[in-house]
PDB file of N, CA and C in Angstrom:
ATOM      1  N   MET A   1      -6.891  -4.594   7.231  1.00  0.00           N
ATOM      2  CA  MET A   1      -5.617  -4.533   6.619  1.00  0.00           C
ATOM      3  C   MET A   1      -5.761  -3.178   5.750  1.00  0.00           C
ATOM      4  N   PHE A   2      -4.655  -2.444   5.804  1.00  0.00           N
ATOM      5  CA  PHE A   2      -4.721  -1.077   5.004  1.00  0.00           C
ATOM      6  C   PHE A   2      -3.683  -0.943   4.109  1.00  0.00           C
ATOM      7  N   LEU A   3      -3.939  -0.814   2.679  1.00  0.00           N
ATOM      8  CA  LEU A   3      -2.921  -0.773   1.645  1.00  0.00           C
ATOM      9  C   LEU A   3      -2.423   0.642   1.338  1.00  0.00           C
ATOM     10  N   GLY A   4      -0.948   0.636   1.469  1.00  0.00           N
ATOM     11  CA  GLY A   4      -0.339   2.025   0.985  1.00  0.00           C
ATOM     12  C   GLY A   4       0.672   1.680  -0.062  1.00  0.00           C
ATOM     13  N   ILE A   5       0.974   2.803  -1.039  1.00  0.00           N
ATOM     14  CA  ILE A   5       2.000   2.598  -1.990  1.00  0.00           C
ATOM     15  C   ILE A   5       3.208   3.599  -1.568  1.00  0.00           C
ATOM     16  N   TYR A   6       4.396   3.236  -1.884  1.00  0.00           N
ATOM     17  CA  TYR A   6       5.513   3.943  -1.656  1.00  0.00           C
ATOM     18  C   TYR A   6       6.176   3.887  -3.129  1.00  0.00           C
ATOM     19  N   ARG A   7       6.459   5.035  -3.638  1.00  0.00           N
ATOM     20  CA  ARG A   7       7.109   5.230  -5.307  1.00  0.00           C
ATOM     21  C   ARG A   7       8.454   5.969  -4.882  1.00  0.00           C
ATOM     22  N   PHE A   8       9.350   5.162  -5.265  1.00  0.00           N
ATOM     23  CA  PHE A   8      10.841   5.744  -5.325  1.00  0.00           C
ATOM     24  C   PHE A   8      11.317   5.954  -6.732  1.00  0.00           C
ATOM     25  N   GLU A   9      11.426   7.163  -7.162  1.00  0.00           N
ATOM     26  CA  GLU A   9      12.096   7.611  -8.598  1.00  0.00           C
ATOM     27  C   GLU A   9      13.366   7.566  -8.512  1.00  0.00           C
ATOM     28  N   GLY A  10      13.984   6.944  -9.796  1.00  0.00           N
ATOM     29  CA  GLY A  10      15.546   6.905  -9.824  1.00  0.00           C
ATOM     30  C   GLY A  10      15.913   5.655 -10.634  1.00  0.00           C
ATOM     31  N   GLU A  11      16.968   5.395 -10.734  1.00  0.00           N
ATOM     32  CA  GLU A  11      17.488   4.249 -11.611  1.00  0.00           C
ATOM     33  C   GLU A  11      17.192   2.877 -10.833  1.00  0.00           C
ATOM     34  N   ALA A  12      16.482   2.235 -11.553  1.00  0.00           N
ATOM     35  CA  ALA A  12      15.842   1.046 -10.866  1.00  0.00           C
ATOM     36  C   ALA A  12      16.935  -0.016 -10.209  1.00  0.00           C
ATOM     37  N   ASN A  13      18.019  -0.352 -10.830  1.00  0.00           N
ATOM     38  CA  ASN A  13      18.910  -1.208 -10.374  1.00  0.00           C
ATOM     39  C   ASN A  13      19.660  -0.741  -9.058  1.00  0.00           C
ATOM     40  N   GLU A  14      19.950   0.508  -8.881  1.00  0.00           N
ATOM     41  CA  GLU A  14      20.232   1.083  -7.625  1.00  0.00           C
ATOM     42  C   GLU A  14      19.409   1.028  -6.657  1.00  0.00           C
ATOM     43  N   LEU A  15      18.125   1.361  -7.054  1.00  0.00           N
ATOM     44  CA  LEU A  15      17.117   1.342  -6.007  1.00  0.00           C
ATOM     45  C   LEU A  15      16.697  -0.134  -5.537  1.00  0.00           C
ATOM     46  N   ARG A  16      16.706  -1.093  -6.416  1.00  0.00           N
ATOM     47  CA  ARG A  16      16.710  -2.587  -6.074  1.00  0.00           C
ATOM     48  C   ARG A  16      17.669  -2.845  -4.896  1.00  0.00           C
ATOM     49  N   GLU A  17      18.805  -2.414  -5.253  1.00  0.00           N
ATOM     50  CA  GLU A  17      20.006  -2.931  -4.134  1.00  0.00           C
ATOM     51  C   GLU A  17      19.712  -2.061  -3.042  1.00  0.00           C
ATOM     52  N   ALA A  18      19.211  -0.904  -3.022  1.00  0.00           N
ATOM     53  CA  ALA A  18      18.858  -0.159  -1.729  1.00  0.00           C
ATOM     54  C   ALA A  18      17.772  -0.906  -0.855  1.00  0.00           C
ATOM     55  N   TYR A  19      16.841  -1.142  -1.686  1.00  0.00           N
ATOM     56  CA  TYR A  19      15.652  -1.889  -1.271  1.00  0.00           C
ATOM     57  C   TYR A  19      16.172  -3.153  -0.464  1.00  0.00           C
ATOM     58  N   ASP A  20      16.857  -4.133  -1.191  1.00  0.00           N
ATOM     59  CA  ASP A  20      17.474  -5.229  -0.588  1.00  0.00           C
ATOM     60  C   ASP A  20      18.156  -5.206   0.639  1.00  0.00           C
ATOM     61  N   ARG A  21      18.757  -3.772   0.822  1.00  0.00           N
ATOM     62  CA  ARG A  21      19.400  -3.593   2.052  1.00  0.00           C
ATOM     63  C   ARG A  21      18.528  -3.175   3.293  1.00  0.00           C
ATOM     64  N   LEU A  22      17.448  -2.574   2.922  1.00  0.00           N
ATOM     65  CA  LEU A  22      16.279  -2.210   3.711  1.00  0.00           C
ATOM     66  C   LEU A  22      15.866  -3.488   4.359  1.00  0.00           C
ATOM     67  N   LEU A  23      15.385  -4.395   3.239  1.00  0.00           N
ATOM     68  CA  LEU A  23      14.726  -5.610   3.753  1.00  0.00           C
ATOM     69  C   LEU A  23      15.720  -6.509   4.707  1.00  0.00           C
ATOM     70  N   ASP A  24      16.999  -6.289   4.631  1.00  0.00           N
ATOM     71  CA  ASP A  24      17.962  -7.030   5.503  1.00  0.00           C
ATOM     72  C   ASP A  24      17.961  -6.774   6.912  1.00  0.00           C
ATOM     73  N   ASN A  25      17.081  -5.467   7.175  1.00  0.00           N
ATOM     74  CA  ASN A  25      17.131  -4.904   8.482  1.00  0.00           C
ATOM     75  C   ASN A  25      15.599  -4.945   8.876  1.00  0.00           C
ATOM     76  N   ILE A  26      14.642  -5.625   8.140  1.00  0.00           N
ATOM     77  CA  ILE A  26      13.164  -5.715   8.684  1.00  0.00           C
ATOM     78  C   ILE A  26      12.986  -7.134   9.012  1.00  0.00           C
ATOM     79  N   PRO A  27      12.455  -7.512   9.947  1.00  0.00           N
ATOM     80  CA  PRO A  27      11.970  -9.166  10.176  1.00  0.00           C
ATOM     81  C   PRO A  27      10.801  -9.258   9.011  1.00  0.00           C
ATOM     82  N   HIS A  28      11.022 -10.231   8.340  1.00  0.00           N
ATOM     83  CA  HIS A  28      10.159 -10.520   7.090  1.00  0.00           C
ATOM     84  C   HIS A  28       8.704 -11.037   7.884  1.00  0.00           C
ATOM     85  N   SER A  29       8.783 -11.415   8.923  1.00  0.00           N
ATOM     86  CA  SER A  29       7.540 -11.831   9.651  1.00  0.00           C
ATOM     87  C   SER A  29       6.538 -10.450   9.867  1.00  0.00           C
ATOM     88  N   ASN A  30       7.261  -9.481   9.750  1.00  0.00           N
ATOM     89  CA  ASN A  30       6.400  -8.040   9.958  1.00  0.00           C
ATOM     90  C   ASN A  30       5.738  -7.717   8.408  1.00  0.00           C
ATOM     91  N   LEU A  31       5.942  -8.382   7.450  1.00  0.00           N
ATOM     92  CA  LEU A  31       5.438  -8.150   5.998  1.00  0.00           C
ATOM     93  C   LEU A  31       4.261  -9.014   6.039  1.00  0.00           C
ATOM     94  N   SER A  32       2.989  -8.329   6.180  1.00  0.00           N
ATOM     95  CA  SER A  32       1.786  -9.116   6.058  1.00  0.00           C
ATOM     96  C   SER A  32       1.201  -9.298   4.425  1.00  0.00           C
ATOM     97  N   LEU A  33       1.492  -8.066   3.716  1.00  0.00           N
ATOM     98  CA  LEU A  33       1.224  -8.260   2.427  1.00  0.00           C
ATOM     99  C   LEU A  33       2.180  -7.234   1.890  1.00  0.00           C
ATOM    100  N   HIS A  34       2.999  -7.693   1.063  1.00  0.00           N
ATOM    101  CA  HIS A  34       4.095  -6.603   0.438  1.00  0.00           C
ATOM    102  C   HIS A  34       4.635  -7.192  -0.999  1.00  0.00           C
ATOM    103  N   ALA A  35       4.839  -6.096  -1.923  1.00  0.00           N
ATOM    104  CA  ALA A  35       5.250  -6.495  -2.965  1.00  0.00           C
ATOM    105  C   ALA A  35       6.104  -5.383  -3.613  1.00  0.00           C
ATOM    106  N   CYS A  36       7.207  -5.736  -4.230  1.00  0.00           N
ATOM    107  CA  CYS A  36       7.981  -4.523  -4.691  1.00  0.00           C
ATOM    108  C   CYS A  36       8.122  -4.791  -6.404  1.00  0.00           C
ATOM    109  N   VAL A  37       7.890  -3.610  -7.087  1.00  0.00           N
ATOM    110  CA  VAL A  37       7.835  -3.966  -8.395  1.00  0.00           C
ATOM    111  C   VAL A  37       8.814  -2.873  -9.096  1.00  0.00           C
ATOM    112  N   ALA A  38       9.630  -3.181 -10.038  1.00  0.00           N
ATOM    113  CA  ALA A  38      10.556  -2.352 -10.559  1.00  0.00           C
ATOM    114  C   ALA A  38       9.963  -1.914 -11.957  1.00  0.00           C
ATOM    115  N   ASP A  39      10.276  -0.707 -12.414  1.00  0.00           N
ATOM    116  CA  ASP A  39       9.980  -0.449 -13.832  1.00  0.00           C
ATOM    117  C   ASP A  39      11.173   0.550 -14.197  1.00  0.00           C
ATOM    118  N   ALA A  40      11.122   1.188 -15.584  1.00  0.00           N
ATOM    119  CA  ALA A  40      12.163   2.021 -16.130  1.00  0.00           C
ATOM    120  C   ALA A  40      12.336   3.339 -15.053  1.00  0.00           C
ATOM    121  N   GLY A  41      11.226   3.761 -14.375  1.00  0.00           N
ATOM    122  CA  GLY A  41      11.620   4.863 -13.671  1.00  0.00           C
ATOM    123  C   GLY A  41      11.701   4.898 -12.391  1.00  0.00           C
ATOM    124  N   GLY A  42      11.951   3.471 -11.744  1.00  0.00           N
ATOM    125  CA  GLY A  42      12.114   3.358 -10.267  1.00  0.00           C
ATOM    126  C   GLY A  42      11.502   2.133  -9.874  1.00  0.00           C
ATOM    127  N   LEU A  43      10.979   2.244  -8.349  1.00  0.00           N
ATOM    128  CA  LEU A  43      10.194   0.997  -7.576  1.00  0.00           C
ATOM    129  C   LEU A  43       9.102   1.686  -6.903  1.00  0.00           C
ATOM    130  N   THR A  44       8.076   0.667  -7.086  1.00  0.00           N
ATOM    131  CA  THR A  44       6.787   0.927  -6.366  1.00  0.00           C
ATOM    132  C   THR A  44       6.550  -0.247  -5.396  1.00  0.00           C
ATOM    133  N   ILE A  45       6.351   0.267  -4.208  1.00  0.00           N
ATOM    134  CA  ILE A  45       6.116  -0.912  -3.311  1.00  0.00           C
ATOM    135  C   ILE A  45       4.681  -0.781  -2.644  1.00  0.00           C
ATOM    136  N   PHE A  46       4.066  -1.868  -2.556  1.00  0.00           N
ATOM    137  CA  PHE A  46       2.718  -2.095  -2.207  1.00  0.00           C
ATOM    138  C   PHE A  46       2.957  -2.758  -0.855  1.00  0.00           C
ATOM    139  N   ASP A  47       2.437  -2.072   0.249  1.00  0.00           N
ATOM    140  CA  ASP A  47       2.609  -2.641   1.566  1.00  0.00           C
ATOM    141  C   ASP A  47       1.298  -2.223   2.351  1.00  0.00           C
ATOM    142  N   ALA A  48       0.922  -3.496   3.156  1.00  0.00           N
ATOM    143  CA  ALA A  48      -0.152  -3.417   3.975  1.00  0.00           C
ATOM    144  C   ALA A  48       0.163  -3.235   5.562  1.00  0.00           C
ATOM    145  N   CYS A  49      -0.603  -2.427   6.278  1.00  0.00           N
ATOM    146  CA  CYS A  49      -0.564  -2.299   7.548  1.00  0.00           C
ATOM    147  C   CYS A  49      -1.784  -2.874   8.283  1.00  0.00           C
ATOM    148  N   PRO A  50      -1.834  -3.202   9.539  1.00  0.00           N
ATOM    149  CA  PRO A  50      -2.922  -3.602  10.216  1.00  0.00           C
ATOM    150  C   PRO A  50      -4.154  -2.845  10.012  1.00  0.00           C
ATOM    151  N   SER A  51      -3.822  -1.395  10.080  1.00  0.00           N
ATOM    152  CA  SER A  51      -4.934  -0.248   9.862  1.00  0.00           C
ATOM    153  C   SER A  51      -4.451   0.907   9.337  1.00  0.00           C
ATOM    154  N   GLU A  52      -5.449   1.801   8.956  1.00  0.00           N
ATOM    155  CA  GLU A  52      -5.112   3.043   8.427  1.00  0.00           C
ATOM    156  C   GLU A  52      -4.148   3.802   9.480  1.00  0.00           C
ATOM    157  N   GLU A  53      -4.464   3.726  10.629  1.00  0.00           N
ATOM    158  CA  GLU A  53      -3.657   4.587  11.732  1.00  0.00           C
ATOM    159  C   GLU A  53      -2.420   4.163  11.774  1.00  0.00           C
ATOM    160  N   ALA A  54      -2.140   2.704  11.811  1.00  0.00           N
ATOM    161  CA  ALA A  54      -0.930   2.292  11.693  1.00  0.00           C
ATOM    162  C   ALA A  54      -0.119   2.493  10.584  1.00  0.00           C
ATOM    163  N   PHE A  55      -0.533   2.303   9.414  1.00  0.00           N
ATOM    164  CA  PHE A  55       0.026   2.914   8.057  1.00  0.00           C
ATOM    165  C   PHE A  55       0.371   4.256   8.338  1.00  0.00           C
ATOM    166  N   LYS A  56      -0.331   5.367   8.518  1.00  0.00           N
ATOM    167  CA  LYS A  56      -0.152   6.684   8.643  1.00  0.00           C
ATOM    168  C   LYS A  56       1.122   6.794   9.776  1.00  0.00           C
ATOM    169  N   SER A  57       1.126   6.488  10.832  1.00  0.00           N
ATOM    170  CA  SER A  57       2.072   6.325  11.900  1.00  0.00           C
ATOM    171  C   SER A  57       3.405   5.721  11.318  1.00  0.00           C
ATOM    172  N   PHE A  58       3.383   4.597  10.750  1.00  0.00           N
ATOM    173  CA  PHE A  58       4.580   4.079  10.268  1.00  0.00           C
ATOM    174  C   PHE A  58       5.223   4.908   9.111  1.00  0.00           C
ATOM    175  N   ALA A  59       4.368   5.450   8.074  1.00  0.00           N
ATOM    176  CA  ALA A  59       4.763   6.014   6.954  1.00  0.00           C
ATOM    177  C   ALA A  59       5.448   7.366   7.308  1.00  0.00           C
ATOM    178  N   SER A  60       5.149   7.986   8.329  1.00  0.00           N
ATOM    179  CA  SER A  60       5.582   9.316   8.704  1.00  0.00           C
ATOM    180  C   SER A  60       6.712   9.200   9.954  1.00  0.00           C
ATOM    181  N   SER A  61       6.981   7.853  10.324  1.00  0.00           N
ATOM    182  CA  SER A  61       7.840   7.768  11.621  1.00  0.00           C
ATOM    183  C   SER A  61       9.198   8.170  11.261  1.00  0.00           C
ATOM    184  N   PRO A  62      10.100   8.672  12.168  1.00  0.00           N
ATOM    185  CA  PRO A  62      11.447   8.999  12.129  1.00  0.00           C
ATOM    186  C   PRO A  62      12.107   7.689  11.958  1.00  0.00           C
ATOM    187  N   GLU A  63      11.748   6.426  12.597  1.00  0.00           N
ATOM    188  CA  GLU A  63      12.383   5.221  12.606  1.00  0.00           C
ATOM    189  C   GLU A  63      12.196   4.678  10.810  1.00  0.00           C
ATOM    190  N   PHE A  64      11.327   4.950  10.224  1.00  0.00           N
ATOM    191  CA  PHE A  64      11.070   4.547   8.978  1.00  0.00           C
ATOM    192  C   PHE A  64      12.024   5.333   8.124  1.00  0.00           C
ATOM    193  N   ASN A  65      11.885   6.768   8.162  1.00  0.00           N
ATOM    194  CA  ASN A  65      12.865   7.532   7.404  1.00  0.00           C
ATOM    195  C   ASN A  65      14.366   7.383   7.813  1.00  0.00           C
ATOM    196  N   ALA A  66      14.612   7.005   8.934  1.00  0.00           N
ATOM    197  CA  ALA A  66      16.086   6.647   9.148  1.00  0.00           C
ATOM    198  C   ALA A  66      16.423   5.348   8.485  1.00  0.00           C
ATOM    199  N   ALA A  67      15.636   4.496   8.552  1.00  0.00           N
ATOM    200  CA  ALA A  67      15.844   3.176   7.635  1.00  0.00           C
ATOM    201  C   ALA A  67      16.024   3.408   6.297  1.00  0.00           C
ATOM    202  N   LEU A  68      15.267   4.177   5.573  1.00  0.00           N
ATOM    203  CA  LEU A  68      15.327   4.751   4.387  1.00  0.00           C
ATOM    204  C   LEU A  68      16.812   5.175   3.914  1.00  0.00           C
ATOM    205  N   GLN A  69      17.043   6.195   4.907  1.00  0.00           N
ATOM    206  CA  GLN A  69      18.282   6.814   4.651  1.00  0.00           C
ATOM    207  C   GLN A  69      19.432   5.691   4.787  1.00  0.00           C
ATOM    208  N   ALA A  70      19.321   5.095   5.806  1.00  0.00           N
ATOM    209  CA  ALA A  70      20.567   4.073   6.137  1.00  0.00           C
ATOM    210  C   ALA A  70      20.730   2.987   4.937  1.00  0.00           C
ATOM    211  N   SER A  71      19.621   2.806   4.194  1.00  0.00           N
ATOM    212  CA  SER A  71      19.586   1.702   3.048  1.00  0.00           C
ATOM    213  C   SER A  71      20.040   2.425   1.732  1.00  0.00           C
ATOM    214  N   GLY A  72      19.884   3.840   1.895  1.00  0.00           N
ATOM    215  CA  GLY A  72      20.456   4.638   0.441  1.00  0.00           C
ATOM    216  C   GLY A  72      19.100   4.855  -0.351  1.00  0.00           C
ATOM    217  N   LEU A  73      17.868   4.493   0.154  1.00  0.00           N
ATOM    218  CA  LEU A  73      16.705   4.912  -0.623  1.00  0.00           C
ATOM    219  C   LEU A  73      16.238   6.489  -0.414  1.00  0.00           C
ATOM    220  N   PRO A  74      15.760   6.934  -1.311  1.00  0.00           N
ATOM    221  CA  PRO A  74      15.324   8.422  -1.393  1.00  0.00           C
ATOM    222  C   PRO A  74      14.063   8.434  -0.617  1.00  0.00           C
ATOM    223  N   THR A  75      13.510   9.584  -0.349  1.00  0.00           N
ATOM    224  CA  THR A  75      12.310   9.738   0.216  1.00  0.00           C
ATOM    225  C   THR A  75      11.091   9.259  -0.744  1.00  0.00           C
ATOM    226  N   PRO A  76      10.364   8.496  -0.444  1.00  0.00           N
ATOM    227  CA  PRO A  76       9.295   8.208  -1.380  1.00  0.00           C
ATOM    228  C   PRO A  76       8.066   9.060  -1.481  1.00  0.00           C
ATOM    229  N   GLN A  77       7.208   9.068  -2.502  1.00  0.00           N
ATOM    230  CA  GLN A  77       6.011   9.597  -2.634  1.00  0.00           C
ATOM    231  C   GLN A  77       4.972   8.493  -2.137  1.00  0.00           C
ATOM    232  N   VAL A  78       4.408   8.851  -1.030  1.00  0.00           N
ATOM    233  CA  VAL A  78       3.486   7.983  -0.127  1.00  0.00           C
ATOM    234  C   VAL A  78       2.104   8.132  -0.450  1.00  0.00           C
ATOM    235  N   THR A  79       1.121   6.984  -0.921  1.00  0.00           N
ATOM    236  CA  THR A  79      -0.184   7.240  -1.325  1.00  0.00           C
ATOM    237  C   THR A  79      -0.698   6.164  -0.479  1.00  0.00           C
ATOM    238  N   PRO A  80      -1.790   6.544   0.401  1.00  0.00           N
ATOM    239  CA  PRO A  80      -2.655   5.737   1.105  1.00  0.00           C
ATOM    240  C   PRO A  80      -3.821   5.241   0.107  1.00  0.00           C
ATOM    241  N   MET A  81      -3.967   3.803   0.183  1.00  0.00           N
ATOM    242  CA  MET A  81      -4.909   3.323  -0.929  1.00  0.00           C
ATOM    243  C   MET A  81      -6.330   3.063  -0.295  1.00  0.00           C
ATOM    244  N   GLY A  82      -6.229   2.255   0.771  1.00  0.00           N
ATOM    245  CA  GLY A  82      -7.598   1.860   1.469  1.00  0.00           C
ATOM    246  C   GLY A  82      -7.606   0.540   1.997  1.00  0.00           C
ATOM    247  N   GLU A  83      -8.684   0.302   2.595  1.00  0.00           N
ATOM    248  CA  GLU A  83      -8.782  -1.064   3.085  1.00  0.00           C
ATOM    249  C   GLU A  83      -8.482  -2.521   2.082  1.00  0.00           C
ATOM    250  N   VAL A  84      -7.939  -3.377   2.508  1.00  0.00           N
ATOM    251  CA  VAL A  84      -7.682  -4.583   1.679  1.00  0.00           C
ATOM    252  C   VAL A  84      -8.960  -5.428   1.868  1.00  0.00           C
ATOM    253  N   HIS A  85      -9.675  -5.758   0.646  1.00  0.00           N
ATOM    254  CA  HIS A  85     -10.922  -6.577   0.723  1.00  0.00           C
ATOM    255  C   HIS A  85     -10.566  -8.062   0.586  1.00  0.00           C
ATOM    256  N   ALA A  86      -9.518  -8.227  -0.375  1.00  0.00           N
ATOM    257  CA  ALA A  86      -8.981  -9.643  -0.624  1.00  0.00           C
ATOM    258  C   ALA A  86      -7.726  -9.567  -1.305  1.00  0.00           C
ATOM    259  N   ALA A  87      -6.892 -10.703  -1.058  1.00  0.00           N
ATOM    260  CA  ALA A  87      -5.480 -10.703  -1.699  1.00  0.00           C
ATOM    261  C   ALA A  87      -5.302 -12.156  -2.053  1.00  0.00           C
ATOM    262  N   PHE A  88      -4.557 -12.386  -3.234  1.00  0.00           N
ATOM    263  CA  PHE A  88      -4.394 -13.578  -3.859  1.00  0.00           C
ATOM    264  C   PHE A  88      -2.760 -13.770  -4.172  1.00  0.00           C
ATOM    265  N   VAL A  89      -2.272 -14.885  -3.824  1.00  0.00           N
ATOM    266  CA  VAL A  89      -1.030 -15.057  -4.329  1.00  0.00           C
ATOM    267  C   VAL A  89      -1.008 -16.637  -4.769  1.00  0.00           C
ATOM    268  N   SER A  90      -0.382 -16.877  -6.164  1.00  0.00           N
ATOM    269  CA  SER A  90      -0.502 -17.922  -6.875  1.00  0.00           C
ATOM    270  C   SER A  90      -1.726 -18.803  -6.611  1.00  0.00           C
ATOM    271  N   GLY A  91      -2.821 -18.071  -6.922  1.00  0.00           N
ATOM    272  CA  GLY A  91      -4.255 -18.566  -6.674  1.00  0.00           C
ATOM    273  C   GLY A  91      -4.688 -18.990  -5.567  1.00  0.00           C
ATOM    274  N   GLN A  92      -3.885 -18.623  -4.385  1.00  0.00           N
ATOM    275  CA  GLN A  92      -4.565 -18.740  -2.903  1.00  0.00           C
ATOM    276  C   GLN A  92      -4.794 -17.550  -2.348  1.00  0.00           C
ATOM    277  N   ARG A  93      -5.820 -17.623  -1.749  1.00  0.00           N
ATOM    278  CA  ARG A  93      -6.433 -16.255  -1.059  1.00  0.00           C
ATOM    279  C   ARG A  93      -5.618 -16.115   0.098  1.00  0.00           C
ATOM    280  N   VAL A  94      -4.851 -15.215   0.411  1.00  0.00           N
ATOM    281  CA  VAL A  94      -4.243 -15.014   1.623  1.00  0.00           C
ATOM    282  C   VAL A  94      -4.805 -13.949   2.488  1.00  0.00           C
ATOM    283  N   PHE A  95      -5.717 -13.243   2.145  1.00  0.00           N
ATOM    284  CA  PHE A  95      -6.525 -12.231   2.761  1.00  0.00           C
ATOM    285  C   PHE A  95      -7.900 -12.210   2.363  1.00  0.00           C
TER     286      PHE A  95
END
């Protein structure tokens, strides 16, 4: 599993609404490891893909860019992070 970060700069409330529209059109079963964090400058999404190749393909795909535009999200700064060694949610190891 490979983790990437998507950073969206802008007004956080507007970006949260656009993010929610984006999620309305994505099957939640596709989200293996995913978190969205709002701060004063925008949104940061931490999202994992099955592999680095899948991450690179997804992050640069026309379909992803079209989904961002349709939801009202701006083009993000995309940062590949690396292989996930472990992940915990509420004290439970999920990976």
